[in-house]
Amino acid sequence: MRSLEVFRERQKRSPLGIARELHERFDQSGAKSVRQFCRDEGENWSVVSRHLRLLRLPNDITNFLDSSQTPEVLRHFTVKRLDALTRLPDVEATSSCMEDVRELVPLGSDSLP
């Protein structure tokens, strides 16, 4: 039962979910910059900027992450790992993400995108 609670909490706090929440709060705040938003809200600038960068991920990756909310995927695709993907060209980022997915999902599984 505890593992289900942990999974549900991880779903709520997924990096993309946090990024979308921060983006919405930033838009509503009226701040002119991320730094101003962070000062006004008492947030850590590096954490906020790293999360907001995730919104630049290719649609293929965000669609996959939104539709594949398994414990393995949520555990594997951390903010740090996703942030690294934002620094690659879209094709390379998507390819790298799918390679990671293949390592997570056992061969012969129907779960592969």
PDB file of N, CA and C in Angstrom:
ATOM      1  N   MET A   1       0.816  -1.187   0.000  1.00  0.00           N
ATOM      2  CA  MET A   1       0.000   0.000   0.000  1.00  0.00           C
ATOM      3  C   MET A   1       0.867   1.260   0.000  1.00  0.00           C
ATOM      4  N   ARG A   2       1.966   1.237   0.736  1.00  0.00           N
ATOM      5  CA  ARG A   2       2.862   2.386   0.801  1.00  0.00           C
ATOM      6  C   ARG A   2       3.462   2.696  -0.570  1.00  0.00           C
ATOM      7  N   SER A   3       3.779   1.658  -1.349  1.00  0.00           N
ATOM      8  CA  SER A   3       4.373   1.885  -2.669  1.00  0.00           C
ATOM      9  C   SER A   3       3.385   2.598  -3.600  1.00  0.00           C
ATOM     10  N   LEU A   4       2.100   2.329  -3.460  1.00  0.00           N
ATOM     11  CA  LEU A   4       1.090   3.016  -4.258  1.00  0.00           C
ATOM     12  C   LEU A   4       1.037   4.495  -3.886  1.00  0.00           C
ATOM     13  N   GLU A   5       1.143   4.794  -2.597  1.00  0.00           N
ATOM     14  CA  GLU A   5       1.156   6.189  -2.148  1.00  0.00           C
ATOM     15  C   GLU A   5       2.382   6.923  -2.702  1.00  0.00           C
ATOM     16  N   VAL A   6       3.523   6.263  -2.672  1.00  0.00           N
ATOM     17  CA  VAL A   6       4.754   6.861  -3.181  1.00  0.00           C
ATOM     18  C   VAL A   6       4.614   7.123  -4.683  1.00  0.00           C
ATOM     19  N   PHE A   7       4.043   6.159  -5.413  1.00  0.00           N
ATOM     20  CA  PHE A   7       3.839   6.299  -6.850  1.00  0.00           C
ATOM     21  C   PHE A   7       2.920   7.477  -7.155  1.00  0.00           C
ATOM     22  N   ARG A   8       1.828   7.584  -6.449  1.00  0.00           N
ATOM     23  CA  ARG A   8       0.872   8.687  -6.677  1.00  0.00           C
ATOM     24  C   ARG A   8       1.515  10.046  -6.373  1.00  0.00           C
ATOM     25  N   GLU A   9       2.307  10.100  -5.319  1.00  0.00           N
ATOM     26  CA  GLU A   9       3.003  11.339  -4.975  1.00  0.00           C
ATOM     27  C   GLU A   9       4.024  11.684  -6.063  1.00  0.00           C
ATOM     28  N   ARG A  10       4.719  10.675  -6.571  1.00  0.00           N
ATOM     29  CA  ARG A  10       5.703  10.895  -7.637  1.00  0.00           C
ATOM     30  C   ARG A  10       5.001  11.393  -8.899  1.00  0.00           C
ATOM     31  N   GLN A  11       3.813  10.874  -9.184  1.00  0.00           N
ATOM     32  CA  GLN A  11       3.058  11.346 -10.339  1.00  0.00           C
ATOM     33  C   GLN A  11       2.725  12.828 -10.198  1.00  0.00           C
ATOM     34  N   LYS A  12       2.283  13.223  -9.017  1.00  0.00           N
ATOM     35  CA  LYS A  12       1.921  14.628  -8.775  1.00  0.00           C
ATOM     36  C   LYS A  12       3.127  15.541  -8.887  1.00  0.00           C
ATOM     37  N   ARG A  13       4.279  15.037  -8.525  1.00  0.00           N
ATOM     38  CA  ARG A  13       5.486  15.857  -8.493  1.00  0.00           C
ATOM     39  C   ARG A  13       6.431  15.546  -9.661  1.00  0.00           C
ATOM     40  N   SER A  14       5.887  15.071 -10.762  1.00  0.00           N
ATOM     41  CA  SER A  14       6.745  14.784 -11.915  1.00  0.00           C
ATOM     42  C   SER A  14       7.387  16.083 -12.395  1.00  0.00           C
ATOM     43  N   PRO A  15       8.588  16.005 -12.938  1.00  0.00           N
ATOM     44  CA  PRO A  15       9.275  17.218 -13.382  1.00  0.00           C
ATOM     45  C   PRO A  15       8.459  18.070 -14.356  1.00  0.00           C
ATOM     46  N   LEU A  16       7.772  17.424 -15.296  1.00  0.00           N
ATOM     47  CA  LEU A  16       6.962  18.198 -16.240  1.00  0.00           C
ATOM     48  C   LEU A  16       5.760  18.837 -15.551  1.00  0.00           C
ATOM     49  N   GLY A  17       5.179  18.138 -14.610  1.00  0.00           N
ATOM     50  CA  GLY A  17       4.059  18.702 -13.854  1.00  0.00           C
ATOM     51  C   GLY A  17       4.485  19.936 -13.075  1.00  0.00           C
ATOM     52  N   ILE A  18       5.635  19.846 -12.437  1.00  0.00           N
ATOM     53  CA  ILE A  18       6.166  20.987 -11.688  1.00  0.00           C
ATOM     54  C   ILE A  18       6.489  22.127 -12.652  1.00  0.00           C
ATOM     55  N   ALA A  19       7.062  21.806 -13.803  1.00  0.00           N
ATOM     56  CA  ALA A  19       7.404  22.836 -14.793  1.00  0.00           C
ATOM     57  C   ALA A  19       6.154  23.570 -15.256  1.00  0.00           C
ATOM     58  N   ARG A  20       5.103  22.832 -15.530  1.00  0.00           N
ATOM     59  CA  ARG A  20       3.853  23.470 -15.978  1.00  0.00           C
ATOM     60  C   ARG A  20       3.248  24.333 -14.874  1.00  0.00           C
ATOM     61  N   GLU A  21       3.305  23.849 -13.654  1.00  0.00           N
ATOM     62  CA  GLU A  21       2.793  24.608 -12.514  1.00  0.00           C
ATOM     63  C   GLU A  21       3.593  25.910 -12.332  1.00  0.00           C
ATOM     64  N   LEU A  22       4.915  25.822 -12.393  1.00  0.00           N
ATOM     65  CA  LEU A  22       5.758  27.010 -12.261  1.00  0.00           C
ATOM     66  C   LEU A  22       5.514  28.003 -13.393  1.00  0.00           C
ATOM     67  N   HIS A  23       5.335  27.489 -14.596  1.00  0.00           N
ATOM     68  CA  HIS A  23       5.075  28.362 -15.745  1.00  0.00           C
ATOM     69  C   HIS A  23       3.758  29.111 -15.554  1.00  0.00           C
ATOM     70  N   GLU A  24       2.752  28.417 -15.100  1.00  0.00           N
ATOM     71  CA  GLU A  24       1.451  29.048 -14.851  1.00  0.00           C
ATOM     72  C   GLU A  24       1.569  30.119 -13.760  1.00  0.00           C
ATOM     73  N   ARG A  25       2.269  29.782 -12.680  1.00  0.00           N
ATOM     74  CA  ARG A  25       2.473  30.759 -11.596  1.00  0.00           C
ATOM     75  C   ARG A  25       3.262  31.964 -12.087  1.00  0.00           C
ATOM     76  N   PHE A  26       4.277  31.733 -12.911  1.00  0.00           N
ATOM     77  CA  PHE A  26       5.082  32.820 -13.467  1.00  0.00           C
ATOM     78  C   PHE A  26       4.205  33.736 -14.318  1.00  0.00           C
ATOM     79  N   ASP A  27       3.384  33.157 -15.195  1.00  0.00           N
ATOM     80  CA  ASP A  27       2.494  33.946 -16.046  1.00  0.00           C
ATOM     81  C   ASP A  27       1.534  34.796 -15.220  1.00  0.00           C
ATOM     82  N   GLN A  28       1.005  34.214 -14.165  1.00  0.00           N
ATOM     83  CA  GLN A  28       0.034  34.915 -13.320  1.00  0.00           C
ATOM     84  C   GLN A  28       0.682  35.951 -12.405  1.00  0.00           C
ATOM     85  N   SER A  29       1.972  35.832 -12.168  1.00  0.00           N
ATOM     86  CA  SER A  29       2.644  36.711 -11.208  1.00  0.00           C
ATOM     87  C   SER A  29       2.861  38.122 -11.732  1.00  0.00           C
ATOM     88  N   GLY A  30       2.942  38.264 -13.029  1.00  0.00           N
ATOM     89  CA  GLY A  30       3.222  39.576 -13.599  1.00  0.00           C
ATOM     90  C   GLY A  30       4.697  39.944 -13.539  1.00  0.00           C
ATOM     91  N   ALA A  31       5.545  39.030 -13.107  1.00  0.00           N
ATOM     92  CA  ALA A  31       6.985  39.291 -13.029  1.00  0.00           C
ATOM     93  C   ALA A  31       7.548  39.469 -14.437  1.00  0.00           C
ATOM     94  N   LYS A  32       8.538  40.314 -14.540  1.00  0.00           N
ATOM     95  CA  LYS A  32       9.166  40.591 -15.840  1.00  0.00           C
ATOM     96  C   LYS A  32      10.264  39.584 -16.181  1.00  0.00           C
ATOM     97  N   SER A  33      10.761  38.877 -15.182  1.00  0.00           N
ATOM     98  CA  SER A  33      11.832  37.902 -15.419  1.00  0.00           C
ATOM     99  C   SER A  33      11.686  36.752 -14.426  1.00  0.00           C
ATOM    100  N   VAL A  34      12.381  35.674 -14.738  1.00  0.00           N
ATOM    101  CA  VAL A  34      12.374  34.510 -13.846  1.00  0.00           C
ATOM    102  C   VAL A  34      13.032  34.885 -12.516  1.00  0.00           C
ATOM    103  N   ARG A  35      14.086  35.666 -12.585  1.00  0.00           N
ATOM    104  CA  ARG A  35      14.764  36.082 -11.350  1.00  0.00           C
ATOM    105  C   ARG A  35      13.831  36.903 -10.457  1.00  0.00           C
ATOM    106  N   GLN A  36      13.084  37.826 -11.054  1.00  0.00           N
ATOM    107  CA  GLN A  36      12.134  38.622 -10.271  1.00  0.00           C
ATOM    108  C   GLN A  36      11.057  37.723  -9.667  1.00  0.00           C
ATOM    109  N   PHE A  37      10.545  36.798 -10.461  1.00  0.00           N
ATOM    110  CA  PHE A  37       9.538  35.852  -9.976  1.00  0.00           C
ATOM    111  C   PHE A  37      10.072  35.087  -8.769  1.00  0.00           C
ATOM    112  N   CYS A  38      11.306  34.610  -8.880  1.00  0.00           N
ATOM    113  CA  CYS A  38      11.902  33.829  -7.793  1.00  0.00           C
ATOM    114  C   CYS A  38      12.096  34.675  -6.537  1.00  0.00           C
ATOM    115  N   ARG A  39      12.523  35.921  -6.701  1.00  0.00           N
ATOM    116  CA  ARG A  39      12.668  36.813  -5.539  1.00  0.00           C
ATOM    117  C   ARG A  39      11.307  37.048  -4.881  1.00  0.00           C
ATOM    118  N   ASP A  40      10.294  37.326  -5.696  1.00  0.00           N
ATOM    119  CA  ASP A  40       8.953  37.619  -5.181  1.00  0.00           C
ATOM    120  C   ASP A  40       8.320  36.413  -4.493  1.00  0.00           C
ATOM    121  N   GLU A  41       8.573  35.224  -5.054  1.00  0.00           N
ATOM    122  CA  GLU A  41       7.930  34.005  -4.561  1.00  0.00           C
ATOM    123  C   GLU A  41       8.789  33.231  -3.561  1.00  0.00           C
ATOM    124  N   GLY A  42      10.032  33.652  -3.388  1.00  0.00           N
ATOM    125  CA  GLY A  42      10.918  32.944  -2.471  1.00  0.00           C
ATOM    126  C   GLY A  42      11.359  31.590  -3.002  1.00  0.00           C
ATOM    127  N   GLU A  43      11.440  31.487  -4.312  1.00  0.00           N
ATOM    128  CA  GLU A  43      11.857  30.239  -4.961  1.00  0.00           C
ATOM    129  C   GLU A  43      13.348  30.301  -5.302  1.00  0.00           C
ATOM    130  N   ASN A  44      13.948  29.157  -5.470  1.00  0.00           N
ATOM    131  CA  ASN A  44      15.345  29.053  -5.871  1.00  0.00           C
ATOM    132  C   ASN A  44      15.415  29.230  -7.393  1.00  0.00           C
ATOM    133  N   TRP A  45      16.189  30.224  -7.841  1.00  0.00           N
ATOM    134  CA  TRP A  45      16.249  30.536  -9.262  1.00  0.00           C
ATOM    135  C   TRP A  45      16.726  29.349 -10.099  1.00  0.00           C
ATOM    136  N   SER A  46      17.741  28.656  -9.667  1.00  0.00           N
ATOM    137  CA  SER A  46      18.278  27.559 -10.473  1.00  0.00           C
ATOM    138  C   SER A  46      17.279  26.416 -10.609  1.00  0.00           C
ATOM    139  N   VAL A  47      16.525  26.144  -9.557  1.00  0.00           N
ATOM    140  CA  VAL A  47      15.509  25.083  -9.615  1.00  0.00           C
ATOM    141  C   VAL A  47      14.392  25.483 -10.575  1.00  0.00           C
ATOM    142  N   VAL A  48      13.928  26.715 -10.453  1.00  0.00           N
ATOM    143  CA  VAL A  48      12.839  27.186 -11.322  1.00  0.00           C
ATOM    144  C   VAL A  48      13.286  27.214 -12.777  1.00  0.00           C
ATOM    145  N   SER A  49      14.454  27.762 -13.051  1.00  0.00           N
ATOM    146  CA  SER A  49      14.901  27.857 -14.444  1.00  0.00           C
ATOM    147  C   SER A  49      15.127  26.473 -15.050  1.00  0.00           C
ATOM    148  N   ARG A  50      15.642  25.543 -14.254  1.00  0.00           N
ATOM    149  CA  ARG A  50      15.852  24.175 -14.755  1.00  0.00           C
ATOM    150  C   ARG A  50      14.510  23.531 -15.109  1.00  0.00           C
ATOM    151  N   HIS A  51      13.515  23.717 -14.261  1.00  0.00           N
ATOM    152  CA  HIS A  51      12.199  23.153 -14.550  1.00  0.00           C
ATOM    153  C   HIS A  51      11.567  23.821 -15.769  1.00  0.00           C
ATOM    154  N   LEU A  52      11.647  25.130 -15.863  1.00  0.00           N
ATOM    155  CA  LEU A  52      11.055  25.823 -17.006  1.00  0.00           C
ATOM    156  C   LEU A  52      11.708  25.405 -18.320  1.00  0.00           C
ATOM    157  N   ARG A  53      12.981  25.088 -18.277  1.00  0.00           N
ATOM    158  CA  ARG A  53      13.677  24.621 -19.485  1.00  0.00           C
ATOM    159  C   ARG A  53      13.061  23.321 -20.007  1.00  0.00           C
ATOM    160  N   LEU A  54      12.479  22.523 -19.124  1.00  0.00           N
ATOM    161  CA  LEU A  54      11.883  21.247 -19.543  1.00  0.00           C
ATOM    162  C   LEU A  54      10.733  21.459 -20.519  1.00  0.00           C
ATOM    163  N   LEU A  55      10.128  22.639 -20.470  1.00  0.00           N
ATOM    164  CA  LEU A  55       9.013  22.921 -21.378  1.00  0.00           C
ATOM    165  C   LEU A  55       9.491  23.072 -22.826  1.00  0.00           C
ATOM    166  N   ARG A  56      10.792  23.088 -23.036  1.00  0.00           N
ATOM    167  CA  ARG A  56      11.371  23.160 -24.386  1.00  0.00           C
ATOM    168  C   ARG A  56      11.611  21.779 -24.989  1.00  0.00           C
ATOM    169  N   LEU A  57      11.355  20.729 -24.231  1.00  0.00           N
ATOM    170  CA  LEU A  57      11.571  19.375 -24.752  1.00  0.00           C
ATOM    171  C   LEU A  57      10.703  19.150 -25.986  1.00  0.00           C
ATOM    172  N   PRO A  58      11.177  18.333 -26.920  1.00  0.00           N
ATOM    173  CA  PRO A  58      10.370  18.018 -28.105  1.00  0.00           C
ATOM    174  C   PRO A  58       9.022  17.397 -27.706  1.00  0.00           C
ATOM    175  N   ASN A  59       8.014  17.653 -28.528  1.00  0.00           N
ATOM    176  CA  ASN A  59       6.670  17.130 -28.247  1.00  0.00           C
ATOM    177  C   ASN A  59       6.650  15.616 -28.112  1.00  0.00           C
ATOM    178  N   ASP A  60       7.471  14.920 -28.887  1.00  0.00           N
ATOM    179  CA  ASP A  60       7.508  13.451 -28.799  1.00  0.00           C
ATOM    180  C   ASP A  60       7.867  13.009 -27.378  1.00  0.00           C
ATOM    181  N   ILE A  61       8.800  13.702 -26.769  1.00  0.00           N
ATOM    182  CA  ILE A  61       9.228  13.337 -25.416  1.00  0.00           C
ATOM    183  C   ILE A  61       8.152  13.692 -24.398  1.00  0.00           C
ATOM    184  N   THR A  62       7.608  14.899 -24.485  1.00  0.00           N
ATOM    185  CA  THR A  62       6.589  15.291 -23.500  1.00  0.00           C
ATOM    186  C   THR A  62       5.336  14.427 -23.633  1.00  0.00           C
ATOM    187  N   ASN A  63       4.962  14.106 -24.866  1.00  0.00           N
ATOM    188  CA  ASN A  63       3.796  13.225 -25.063  1.00  0.00           C
ATOM    189  C   ASN A  63       4.054  11.848 -24.450  1.00  0.00           C
ATOM    190  N   PHE A  64       5.260  11.322 -24.676  1.00  0.00           N
ATOM    191  CA  PHE A  64       5.601  10.023 -24.096  1.00  0.00           C
ATOM    192  C   PHE A  64       5.549  10.081 -22.573  1.00  0.00           C
ATOM    193  N   LEU A  65       6.168  11.101 -21.986  1.00  0.00           N
ATOM    194  CA  LEU A  65       6.198  11.206 -20.525  1.00  0.00           C
ATOM    195  C   LEU A  65       4.797  11.384 -19.942  1.00  0.00           C
ATOM    196  N   ASP A  66       3.947  12.131 -20.635  1.00  0.00           N
ATOM    197  CA  ASP A  66       2.575  12.320 -20.160  1.00  0.00           C
ATOM    198  C   ASP A  66       1.762  11.028 -20.225  1.00  0.00           C
ATOM    199  N   SER A  67       2.031  10.222 -21.245  1.00  0.00           N
ATOM    200  CA  SER A  67       1.234   9.003 -21.424  1.00  0.00           C
ATOM    201  C   SER A  67       1.846   7.771 -20.754  1.00  0.00           C
ATOM    202  N   SER A  68       3.074   7.866 -20.290  1.00  0.00           N
ATOM    203  CA  SER A  68       3.767   6.708 -19.717  1.00  0.00           C
ATOM    204  C   SER A  68       4.172   6.977 -18.276  1.00  0.00           C
ATOM    205  N   GLN A  69       3.206   7.172 -17.450  1.00  0.00           N
ATOM    206  CA  GLN A  69       3.469   7.507 -16.050  1.00  0.00           C
ATOM    207  C   GLN A  69       3.627   6.232 -15.214  1.00  0.00           C
ATOM    208  N   THR A  70       4.591   5.407 -15.597  1.00  0.00           N
ATOM    209  CA  THR A  70       4.855   4.194 -14.830  1.00  0.00           C
ATOM    210  C   THR A  70       5.895   4.515 -13.755  1.00  0.00           C
ATOM    211  N   PRO A  71       5.969   3.710 -12.716  1.00  0.00           N
ATOM    212  CA  PRO A  71       6.986   3.959 -11.680  1.00  0.00           C
ATOM    213  C   PRO A  71       8.403   4.012 -12.248  1.00  0.00           C
ATOM    214  N   GLU A  72       8.710   3.129 -13.196  1.00  0.00           N
ATOM    215  CA  GLU A  72      10.054   3.083 -13.767  1.00  0.00           C
ATOM    216  C   GLU A  72      10.375   4.371 -14.535  1.00  0.00           C
ATOM    217  N   VAL A  73       9.423   4.822 -15.325  1.00  0.00           N
ATOM    218  CA  VAL A  73       9.629   6.035 -16.121  1.00  0.00           C
ATOM    219  C   VAL A  73       9.753   7.247 -15.200  1.00  0.00           C
ATOM    220  N   LEU A  74       8.882   7.353 -14.222  1.00  0.00           N
ATOM    221  CA  LEU A  74       8.927   8.488 -13.300  1.00  0.00           C
ATOM    222  C   LEU A  74      10.223   8.510 -12.496  1.00  0.00           C
ATOM    223  N   ARG A  75      10.697   7.346 -12.121  1.00  0.00           N
ATOM    224  CA  ARG A  75      11.928   7.249 -11.343  1.00  0.00           C
ATOM    225  C   ARG A  75      13.151   7.574 -12.217  1.00  0.00           C
ATOM    226  N   HIS A  76      13.110   7.140 -13.470  1.00  0.00           N
ATOM    227  CA  HIS A  76      14.261   7.295 -14.361  1.00  0.00           C
ATOM    228  C   HIS A  76      14.423   8.728 -14.884  1.00  0.00           C
ATOM    229  N   PHE A  77      13.334   9.327 -15.345  1.00  0.00           N
ATOM    230  CA  PHE A  77      13.419  10.634 -15.989  1.00  0.00           C
ATOM    231  C   PHE A  77      13.319  11.749 -14.953  1.00  0.00           C
ATOM    232  N   THR A  78      14.444  11.997 -14.320  1.00  0.00           N
ATOM    233  CA  THR A  78      14.553  13.035 -13.302  1.00  0.00           C
ATOM    234  C   THR A  78      14.721  14.404 -13.969  1.00  0.00           C
ATOM    235  N   VAL A  79      14.638  15.447 -13.177  1.00  0.00           N
ATOM    236  CA  VAL A  79      14.845  16.801 -13.691  1.00  0.00           C
ATOM    237  C   VAL A  79      16.220  16.903 -14.346  1.00  0.00           C
ATOM    238  N   LYS A  80      17.216  16.361 -13.691  1.00  0.00           N
ATOM    239  CA  LYS A  80      18.585  16.432 -14.215  1.00  0.00           C
ATOM    240  C   LYS A  80      18.694  15.731 -15.563  1.00  0.00           C
ATOM    241  N   ARG A  81      18.119  14.548 -15.672  1.00  0.00           N
ATOM    242  CA  ARG A  81      18.200  13.790 -16.924  1.00  0.00           C
ATOM    243  C   ARG A  81      17.419  14.497 -18.036  1.00  0.00           C
ATOM    244  N   LEU A  82      16.239  15.005 -17.711  1.00  0.00           N
ATOM    245  CA  LEU A  82      15.438  15.705 -18.720  1.00  0.00           C
ATOM    246  C   LEU A  82      16.096  17.018 -19.129  1.00  0.00           C
ATOM    247  N   ASP A  83      16.706  17.700 -18.170  1.00  0.00           N
ATOM    248  CA  ASP A  83      17.399  18.949 -18.482  1.00  0.00           C
ATOM    249  C   ASP A  83      18.533  18.693 -19.468  1.00  0.00           C
ATOM    250  N   ALA A  84      19.223  17.591 -19.300  1.00  0.00           N
ATOM    251  CA  ALA A  84      20.302  17.241 -20.240  1.00  0.00           C
ATOM    252  C   ALA A  84      19.736  17.054 -21.653  1.00  0.00           C
ATOM    253  N   LEU A  85      18.528  16.502 -21.750  1.00  0.00           N
ATOM    254  CA  LEU A  85      17.903  16.319 -23.069  1.00  0.00           C
ATOM    255  C   LEU A  85      17.556  17.652 -23.716  1.00  0.00           C
ATOM    256  N   THR A  86      17.229  18.672 -22.911  1.00  0.00           N
ATOM    257  CA  THR A  86      16.874  19.980 -23.483  1.00  0.00           C
ATOM    258  C   THR A  86      18.069  20.627 -24.164  1.00  0.00           C
ATOM    259  N   ARG A  87      19.253  20.187 -23.836  1.00  0.00           N
ATOM    260  CA  ARG A  87      20.468  20.789 -24.392  1.00  0.00           C
ATOM    261  C   ARG A  87      20.905  20.128 -25.710  1.00  0.00           C
ATOM    262  N   LEU A  88      20.174  19.098 -26.109  1.00  0.00           N
ATOM    263  CA  LEU A  88      20.473  18.408 -27.368  1.00  0.00           C
ATOM    264  C   LEU A  88      19.525  18.884 -28.462  1.00  0.00           C
ATOM    265  N   PRO A  89      19.937  18.766 -29.728  1.00  0.00           N
ATOM    266  CA  PRO A  89      18.983  19.022 -30.810  1.00  0.00           C
ATOM    267  C   PRO A  89      17.793  18.053 -30.675  1.00  0.00           C
ATOM    268  N   ASP A  90      16.633  18.472 -31.135  1.00  0.00           N
ATOM    269  CA  ASP A  90      15.411  17.687 -30.940  1.00  0.00           C
ATOM    270  C   ASP A  90      15.537  16.219 -31.362  1.00  0.00           C
ATOM    271  N   VAL A  91      16.125  15.975 -32.518  1.00  0.00           N
ATOM    272  CA  VAL A  91      16.248  14.603 -33.015  1.00  0.00           C
ATOM    273  C   VAL A  91      17.120  13.769 -32.082  1.00  0.00           C
ATOM    274  N   GLU A  92      18.236  14.329 -31.652  1.00  0.00           N
ATOM    275  CA  GLU A  92      19.129  13.612 -30.740  1.00  0.00           C
ATOM    276  C   GLU A  92      18.474  13.394 -29.377  1.00  0.00           C
ATOM    277  N   ALA A  93      17.746  14.393 -28.902  1.00  0.00           N
ATOM    278  CA  ALA A  93      17.075  14.276 -27.609  1.00  0.00           C
ATOM    279  C   ALA A  93      16.042  13.153 -27.652  1.00  0.00           C
ATOM    280  N   THR A  94      15.257  13.126 -28.711  1.00  0.00           N
ATOM    281  CA  THR A  94      14.232  12.087 -28.849  1.00  0.00           C
ATOM    282  C   THR A  94      14.876  10.711 -28.946  1.00  0.00           C
ATOM    283  N   SER A  95      15.923  10.603 -29.731  1.00  0.00           N
ATOM    284  CA  SER A  95      16.629   9.332 -29.879  1.00  0.00           C
ATOM    285  C   SER A  95      17.209   8.863 -28.541  1.00  0.00           C
ATOM    286  N   SER A  96      17.832   9.767 -27.832  1.00  0.00           N
ATOM    287  CA  SER A  96      18.426   9.425 -26.533  1.00  0.00           C
ATOM    288  C   SER A  96      17.347   9.001 -25.535  1.00  0.00           C
ATOM    289  N   CYS A  97      16.237   9.700 -25.538  1.00  0.00           N
ATOM    290  CA  CYS A  97      15.134   9.360 -24.640  1.00  0.00           C
ATOM    291  C   CYS A  97      14.607   7.960 -24.937  1.00  0.00           C
ATOM    292  N   MET A  98      14.424   7.656 -26.219  1.00  0.00           N
ATOM    293  CA  MET A  98      13.895   6.347 -26.597  1.00  0.00           C
ATOM    294  C   MET A  98      14.896   5.232 -26.285  1.00  0.00           C
ATOM    295  N   GLU A  99      16.191   5.515 -26.369  1.00  0.00           N
ATOM    296  CA  GLU A  99      17.190   4.527 -25.964  1.00  0.00           C
ATOM    297  C   GLU A  99      17.055   4.223 -24.475  1.00  0.00           C
ATOM    298  N   ASP A 100      16.866   5.266 -23.677  1.00  0.00           N
ATOM    299  CA  ASP A 100      16.653   5.080 -22.239  1.00  0.00           C
ATOM    300  C   ASP A 100      15.404   4.248 -21.982  1.00  0.00           C
ATOM    301  N   VAL A 101      14.365   4.517 -22.744  1.00  0.00           N
ATOM    302  CA  VAL A 101      13.105   3.781 -22.567  1.00  0.00           C
ATOM    303  C   VAL A 101      13.311   2.311 -22.882  1.00  0.00           C
ATOM    304  N   ARG A 102      14.040   2.016 -23.930  1.00  0.00           N
ATOM    305  CA  ARG A 102      14.298   0.615 -24.300  1.00  0.00           C
ATOM    306  C   ARG A 102      15.045  -0.133 -23.200  1.00  0.00           C
ATOM    307  N   GLU A 103      15.900   0.588 -22.488  1.00  0.00           N
ATOM    308  CA  GLU A 103      16.622  -0.036 -21.377  1.00  0.00           C
ATOM    309  C   GLU A 103      15.705  -0.270 -20.176  1.00  0.00           C
ATOM    310  N   LEU A 104      14.692   0.572 -20.034  1.00  0.00           N
ATOM    311  CA  LEU A 104      13.758   0.439 -18.911  1.00  0.00           C
ATOM    312  C   LEU A 104      12.746  -0.677 -19.117  1.00  0.00           C
ATOM    313  N   VAL A 105      12.324  -0.848 -20.369  1.00  0.00           N
ATOM    314  CA  VAL A 105      11.260  -1.802 -20.691  1.00  0.00           C
ATOM    315  C   VAL A 105      11.892  -3.099 -21.161  1.00  0.00           C
ATOM    316  N   PRO A 106      11.496  -4.217 -20.578  1.00  0.00           N
ATOM    317  CA  PRO A 106      12.054  -5.519 -21.003  1.00  0.00           C
ATOM    318  C   PRO A 106      11.783  -5.782 -22.482  1.00  0.00           C
ATOM    319  N   LEU A 107      12.729  -6.466 -23.134  1.00  0.00           N
ATOM    320  CA  LEU A 107      12.543  -6.826 -24.537  1.00  0.00           C
ATOM    321  C   LEU A 107      11.286  -7.647 -24.727  1.00  0.00           C
ATOM    322  N   GLY A 108      10.606  -7.391 -25.843  1.00  0.00           N
ATOM    323  CA  GLY A 108       9.390  -8.132 -26.141  1.00  0.00           C
ATOM    324  C   GLY A 108       8.159  -7.540 -25.479  1.00  0.00           C
ATOM    325  N   SER A 109       8.309  -6.475 -24.740  1.00  0.00           N
ATOM    326  CA  SER A 109       7.168  -5.856 -24.084  1.00  0.00           C
ATOM    327  C   SER A 109       6.383  -5.026 -25.088  1.00  0.00           C
ATOM    328  N   ASP A 110       5.089  -4.980 -24.894  1.00  0.00           N
ATOM    329  CA  ASP A 110       4.228  -4.175 -25.751  1.00  0.00           C
ATOM    330  C   ASP A 110       4.190  -2.714 -25.319  1.00  0.00           C
ATOM    331  N   SER A 111       4.936  -2.364 -24.297  1.00  0.00           N
ATOM    332  CA  SER A 111       4.899  -1.015 -23.734  1.00  0.00           C
ATOM    333  C   SER A 111       5.755  -0.010 -24.490  1.00  0.00           C
ATOM    334  N   LEU A 112       6.574  -0.473 -25.417  1.00  0.00           N
ATOM    335  CA  LEU A 112       7.449   0.458 -26.128  1.00  0.00           C
ATOM    336  C   LEU A 112       6.637   1.342 -27.046  1.00  0.00           C
ATOM    337  N   PRO A 113       7.020   2.618 -27.113  1.00  0.00           N
ATOM    338  CA  PRO A 113       6.319   3.542 -28.018  1.00  0.00           C
ATOM    339  C   PRO A 113       6.702   3.272 -29.454  1.00  0.00           C
TER     340      PRO A 113
END
